[in-house]
């Protein structure tokens, strides 16, 4: 990620007209935009959001509403899992979990400057799950 990005809801926008102060042509629908990226610094924010959604689902008046809430947040949950996996692979997970955003930060540290497209993170977790499911199917066939 470079200086040519701007903070967005829980991540960064890399679409240059927006970065330069222009209007968003997608009406700020960051979560469905391929220009939306997440850095390690966003991990704690998204973990809190996941917990909020879980609490909402737990307090739902019926199972149908709870299932709807889980399904609605599921793509975001996959992206959070993907971000955790990516950060762990780079050795940055502990740094991301230790951030205290109330204190001055070193914005040039890798946990801030390394970012991933949210859609790629969600897809990576989906691919890992598909591979795990295939492995289980193969093991069951061999048994």
C-alpha atoms as a PDB file:
ATOM      1  CA  UNK A   1       0.000   0.000   0.000  1.00  0.00           C
ATOM      2  CA  UNK A   2       1.253   3.459  -0.768  1.00  0.00           C
ATOM      3  CA  UNK A   3       0.491   6.982   0.331  1.00  0.00           C
ATOM      4  CA  UNK A   4      -1.961   7.063  -2.579  1.00  0.00           C
ATOM      5  CA  UNK A   5      -4.825   5.628  -0.588  1.00  0.00           C
ATOM      6  CA  UNK A   6      -7.401   7.094   1.743  1.00  0.00           C
ATOM      7  CA  UNK A   7      -9.076   5.725   4.862  1.00  0.00           C
ATOM      8  CA  UNK A   8     -12.433   4.086   4.217  1.00  0.00           C
ATOM      9  CA  UNK A   9     -14.824   2.239   6.504  1.00  0.00           C
ATOM     10  CA  UNK A  10     -12.539  -0.274   8.205  1.00  0.00           C
ATOM     11  CA  UNK A  11      -9.884  -0.225   5.490  1.00  0.00           C
ATOM     12  CA  UNK A  12      -8.432   1.893   2.717  1.00  0.00           C
ATOM     13  CA  UNK A  13      -9.661   3.006  -0.690  1.00  0.00           C
ATOM     14  CA  UNK A  14      -7.109   2.845  -3.491  1.00  0.00           C
ATOM     15  CA  UNK A  15      -9.332   4.287  -6.247  1.00  0.00           C
ATOM     16  CA  UNK A  16      -7.355   7.363  -7.302  1.00  0.00           C
ATOM     17  CA  UNK A  17     -10.232   9.801  -8.006  1.00  0.00           C
ATOM     18  CA  UNK A  18     -11.533   9.164  -4.477  1.00  0.00           C
ATOM     19  CA  UNK A  19      -8.031   9.407  -2.989  1.00  0.00           C
ATOM     20  CA  UNK A  20      -7.640  12.781  -4.694  1.00  0.00           C
ATOM     21  CA  UNK A  21     -10.897  14.041  -3.166  1.00  0.00           C
ATOM     22  CA  UNK A  22     -13.385  13.013  -5.839  1.00  0.00           C
ATOM     23  CA  UNK A  23     -16.770  11.422  -5.264  1.00  0.00           C
ATOM     24  CA  UNK A  24     -17.058   7.660  -5.059  1.00  0.00           C
ATOM     25  CA  UNK A  25     -18.824   6.307  -8.158  1.00  0.00           C
ATOM     26  CA  UNK A  26     -20.011   3.293  -6.136  1.00  0.00           C
ATOM     27  CA  UNK A  27     -21.767   5.349  -3.428  1.00  0.00           C
ATOM     28  CA  UNK A  28     -19.216   4.337  -0.769  1.00  0.00           C
ATOM     29  CA  UNK A  29     -20.108   0.637  -1.060  1.00  0.00           C
ATOM     30  CA  UNK A  30     -16.586  -0.249   0.059  1.00  0.00           C
ATOM     31  CA  UNK A  31     -17.340  -3.852   0.964  1.00  0.00           C
ATOM     32  CA  UNK A  32     -18.270  -4.737  -2.608  1.00  0.00           C
ATOM     33  CA  UNK A  33     -15.490  -2.730  -4.252  1.00  0.00           C
ATOM     34  CA  UNK A  34     -12.296  -4.254  -5.616  1.00  0.00           C
ATOM     35  CA  UNK A  35     -10.452  -1.022  -4.711  1.00  0.00           C
ATOM     36  CA  UNK A  36     -11.061  -1.641  -0.987  1.00  0.00           C
ATOM     37  CA  UNK A  37      -8.019  -3.035   0.852  1.00  0.00           C
ATOM     38  CA  UNK A  38      -7.357  -4.131   4.415  1.00  0.00           C
ATOM     39  CA  UNK A  39      -4.108  -3.765   6.310  1.00  0.00           C
ATOM     40  CA  UNK A  40      -2.957  -5.436   9.491  1.00  0.00           C
ATOM     41  CA  UNK A  41      -3.975  -2.290  11.331  1.00  0.00           C
ATOM     42  CA  UNK A  42      -7.615  -3.038  10.442  1.00  0.00           C
ATOM     43  CA  UNK A  43      -7.669  -6.485  12.034  1.00  0.00           C
ATOM     44  CA  UNK A  44      -8.828  -5.459  15.511  1.00  0.00           C
ATOM     45  CA  UNK A  45     -11.591  -3.261  14.043  1.00  0.00           C
ATOM     46  CA  UNK A  46     -12.929  -6.179  12.019  1.00  0.00           C
ATOM     47  CA  UNK A  47     -12.644  -8.616  14.905  1.00  0.00           C
ATOM     48  CA  UNK A  48     -14.830  -6.252  16.965  1.00  0.00           C
ATOM     49  CA  UNK A  49     -17.318  -6.021  14.087  1.00  0.00           C
ATOM     50  CA  UNK A  50     -17.474  -9.838  13.844  1.00  0.00           C
ATOM     51  CA  UNK A  51     -18.218 -10.036  17.561  1.00  0.00           C
ATOM     52  CA  UNK A  52     -20.957  -7.398  17.213  1.00  0.00           C
ATOM     53  CA  UNK A  53     -22.608  -9.404  14.428  1.00  0.00           C
ATOM     54  CA  UNK A  54     -22.394 -12.606  16.483  1.00  0.00           C
ATOM     55  CA  UNK A  55     -24.070 -10.868  19.415  1.00  0.00           C
ATOM     56  CA  UNK A  56     -26.804  -9.519  17.139  1.00  0.00           C
ATOM     57  CA  UNK A  57     -27.415 -13.005  15.751  1.00  0.00           C
ATOM     58  CA  UNK A  58     -27.488 -14.536  19.233  1.00  0.00           C
ATOM     59  CA  UNK A  59     -30.094 -11.995  20.300  1.00  0.00           C
ATOM     60  CA  UNK A  60     -32.244 -12.510  17.207  1.00  0.00           C
ATOM     61  CA  UNK A  61     -35.925 -13.183  17.925  1.00  0.00           C
ATOM     62  CA  UNK A  62     -35.948 -16.384  15.843  1.00  0.00           C
ATOM     63  CA  UNK A  63     -33.659 -18.822  14.022  1.00  0.00           C
ATOM     64  CA  UNK A  64     -34.508 -17.430  10.581  1.00  0.00           C
ATOM     65  CA  UNK A  65     -33.302 -13.973  11.570  1.00  0.00           C
ATOM     66  CA  UNK A  66     -30.162 -15.374  13.182  1.00  0.00           C
ATOM     67  CA  UNK A  67     -29.414 -17.430  10.043  1.00  0.00           C
ATOM     68  CA  UNK A  68     -29.935 -14.347   7.874  1.00  0.00           C
ATOM     69  CA  UNK A  69     -27.492 -12.313   9.979  1.00  0.00           C
ATOM     70  CA  UNK A  70     -24.867 -15.070   9.844  1.00  0.00           C
ATOM     71  CA  UNK A  71     -25.241 -15.409   6.053  1.00  0.00           C
ATOM     72  CA  UNK A  72     -25.123 -11.642   5.530  1.00  0.00           C
ATOM     73  CA  UNK A  73     -21.857 -11.256   7.472  1.00  0.00           C
ATOM     74  CA  UNK A  74     -20.274 -14.485   6.187  1.00  0.00           C
ATOM     75  CA  UNK A  75     -18.304 -12.914   3.271  1.00  0.00           C
ATOM     76  CA  UNK A  76     -16.852 -10.364   5.678  1.00  0.00           C
ATOM     77  CA  UNK A  77     -16.006 -13.100   8.174  1.00  0.00           C
ATOM     78  CA  UNK A  78     -14.121 -14.951   5.403  1.00  0.00           C
ATOM     79  CA  UNK A  79     -12.159 -11.770   4.626  1.00  0.00           C
ATOM     80  CA  UNK A  80     -11.267 -11.383   8.319  1.00  0.00           C
ATOM     81  CA  UNK A  81     -10.072 -15.000   8.445  1.00  0.00           C
ATOM     82  CA  UNK A  82      -8.091 -14.384   5.251  1.00  0.00           C
ATOM     83  CA  UNK A  83      -6.494 -11.268   6.739  1.00  0.00           C
ATOM     84  CA  UNK A  84      -5.481 -13.235   9.832  1.00  0.00           C
ATOM     85  CA  UNK A  85      -3.986 -15.993   7.661  1.00  0.00           C
ATOM     86  CA  UNK A  86      -2.133 -13.506   5.458  1.00  0.00           C
ATOM     87  CA  UNK A  87      -0.723 -11.649   8.442  1.00  0.00           C
ATOM     88  CA  UNK A  88       0.305 -14.907  10.112  1.00  0.00           C
ATOM     89  CA  UNK A  89       2.063 -15.968   6.903  1.00  0.00           C
ATOM     90  CA  UNK A  90       4.043 -12.718   6.913  1.00  0.00           C
ATOM     91  CA  UNK A  91       4.830 -12.951  10.635  1.00  0.00           C
ATOM     92  CA  UNK A  92       2.743  -9.841  11.362  1.00  0.00           C
ATOM     93  CA  UNK A  93      -0.235 -11.315  13.221  1.00  0.00           C
ATOM     94  CA  UNK A  94       1.171 -10.667  16.699  1.00  0.00           C
ATOM     95  CA  UNK A  95       2.023  -7.070  15.742  1.00  0.00           C
ATOM     96  CA  UNK A  96      -1.503  -6.531  14.427  1.00  0.00           C
ATOM     97  CA  UNK A  97      -3.080  -7.970  17.571  1.00  0.00           C
ATOM     98  CA  UNK A  98      -0.841  -5.812  19.779  1.00  0.00           C
ATOM     99  CA  UNK A  99      -1.828  -2.500  18.176  1.00  0.00           C
ATOM    100  CA  UNK A 100      -3.248   0.093  20.511  1.00  0.00           C
ATOM    101  CA  UNK A 101      -4.802   2.675  18.232  1.00  0.00           C
ATOM    102  CA  UNK A 102      -5.008   5.151  21.109  1.00  0.00           C
ATOM    103  CA  UNK A 103      -1.216   5.577  20.984  1.00  0.00           C
ATOM    104  CA  UNK A 104       0.906   7.181  18.269  1.00  0.00           C
ATOM    105  CA  UNK A 105       1.705   4.684  15.559  1.00  0.00           C
ATOM    106  CA  UNK A 106       4.570   4.086  13.174  1.00  0.00           C
ATOM    107  CA  UNK A 107       2.604   4.257   9.933  1.00  0.00           C
ATOM    108  CA  UNK A 108       5.613   3.007   7.985  1.00  0.00           C
ATOM    109  CA  UNK A 109       5.637  -0.281   9.921  1.00  0.00           C
ATOM    110  CA  UNK A 110       4.725  -3.299   7.801  1.00  0.00           C
ATOM    111  CA  UNK A 111       1.528  -3.967   9.785  1.00  0.00           C
ATOM    112  CA  UNK A 112       0.189  -0.638   8.432  1.00  0.00           C
ATOM    113  CA  UNK A 113       1.769  -0.596   5.000  1.00  0.00           C
ATOM    114  CA  UNK A 114       1.027  -4.173   3.905  1.00  0.00           C
ATOM    115  CA  UNK A 115      -2.497  -4.407   2.543  1.00  0.00           C
ATOM    116  CA  UNK A 116      -4.650  -6.953   0.729  1.00  0.00           C
ATOM    117  CA  UNK A 117      -7.791  -6.636  -1.377  1.00  0.00           C
ATOM    118  CA  UNK A 118     -10.758  -7.659   0.768  1.00  0.00           C
ATOM    119  CA  UNK A 119     -12.218  -9.779  -2.043  1.00  0.00           C
ATOM    120  CA  UNK A 120      -8.913 -11.662  -2.419  1.00  0.00           C
ATOM    121  CA  UNK A 121      -8.825 -12.368   1.314  1.00  0.00           C
ATOM    122  CA  UNK A 122     -12.344 -13.777   1.281  1.00  0.00           C
ATOM    123  CA  UNK A 123     -11.568 -15.870  -1.808  1.00  0.00           C
ATOM    124  CA  UNK A 124      -8.361 -17.257  -0.281  1.00  0.00           C
ATOM    125  CA  UNK A 125     -10.258 -18.573   2.739  1.00  0.00           C
ATOM    126  CA  UNK A 126     -12.949 -20.024   0.474  1.00  0.00           C
ATOM    127  CA  UNK A 127     -10.275 -21.820  -1.564  1.00  0.00           C
ATOM    128  CA  UNK A 128      -8.659 -23.202   1.609  1.00  0.00           C
ATOM    129  CA  UNK A 129     -12.047 -24.474   2.807  1.00  0.00           C
ATOM    130  CA  UNK A 130     -12.735 -26.117  -0.571  1.00  0.00           C
ATOM    131  CA  UNK A 131      -9.335 -27.851  -0.428  1.00  0.00           C
ATOM    132  CA  UNK A 132     -10.031 -29.055   3.114  1.00  0.00           C
ATOM    133  CA  UNK A 133     -13.441 -30.364   2.043  1.00  0.00           C
ATOM    134  CA  UNK A 134     -11.845 -32.177  -0.915  1.00  0.00           C
ATOM    135  CA  UNK A 135      -9.256 -33.762   1.397  1.00  0.00           C
ATOM    136  CA  UNK A 136     -11.993 -34.974   3.750  1.00  0.00           C
ATOM    137  CA  UNK A 137     -13.961 -36.412   0.804  1.00  0.00           C
ATOM    138  CA  UNK A 138     -10.848 -38.248  -0.436  1.00  0.00           C
ATOM    139  CA  UNK A 139     -10.158 -39.643   3.031  1.00  0.00           C
ATOM    140  CA  UNK A 140     -13.760 -40.856   3.342  1.00  0.00           C
ATOM    141  CA  UNK A 141     -13.538 -42.554  -0.072  1.00  0.00           C
ATOM    142  CA  UNK A 142     -10.309 -44.310   0.936  1.00  0.00           C
ATOM    143  CA  UNK A 143     -11.771 -45.573   4.214  1.00  0.00           C
END
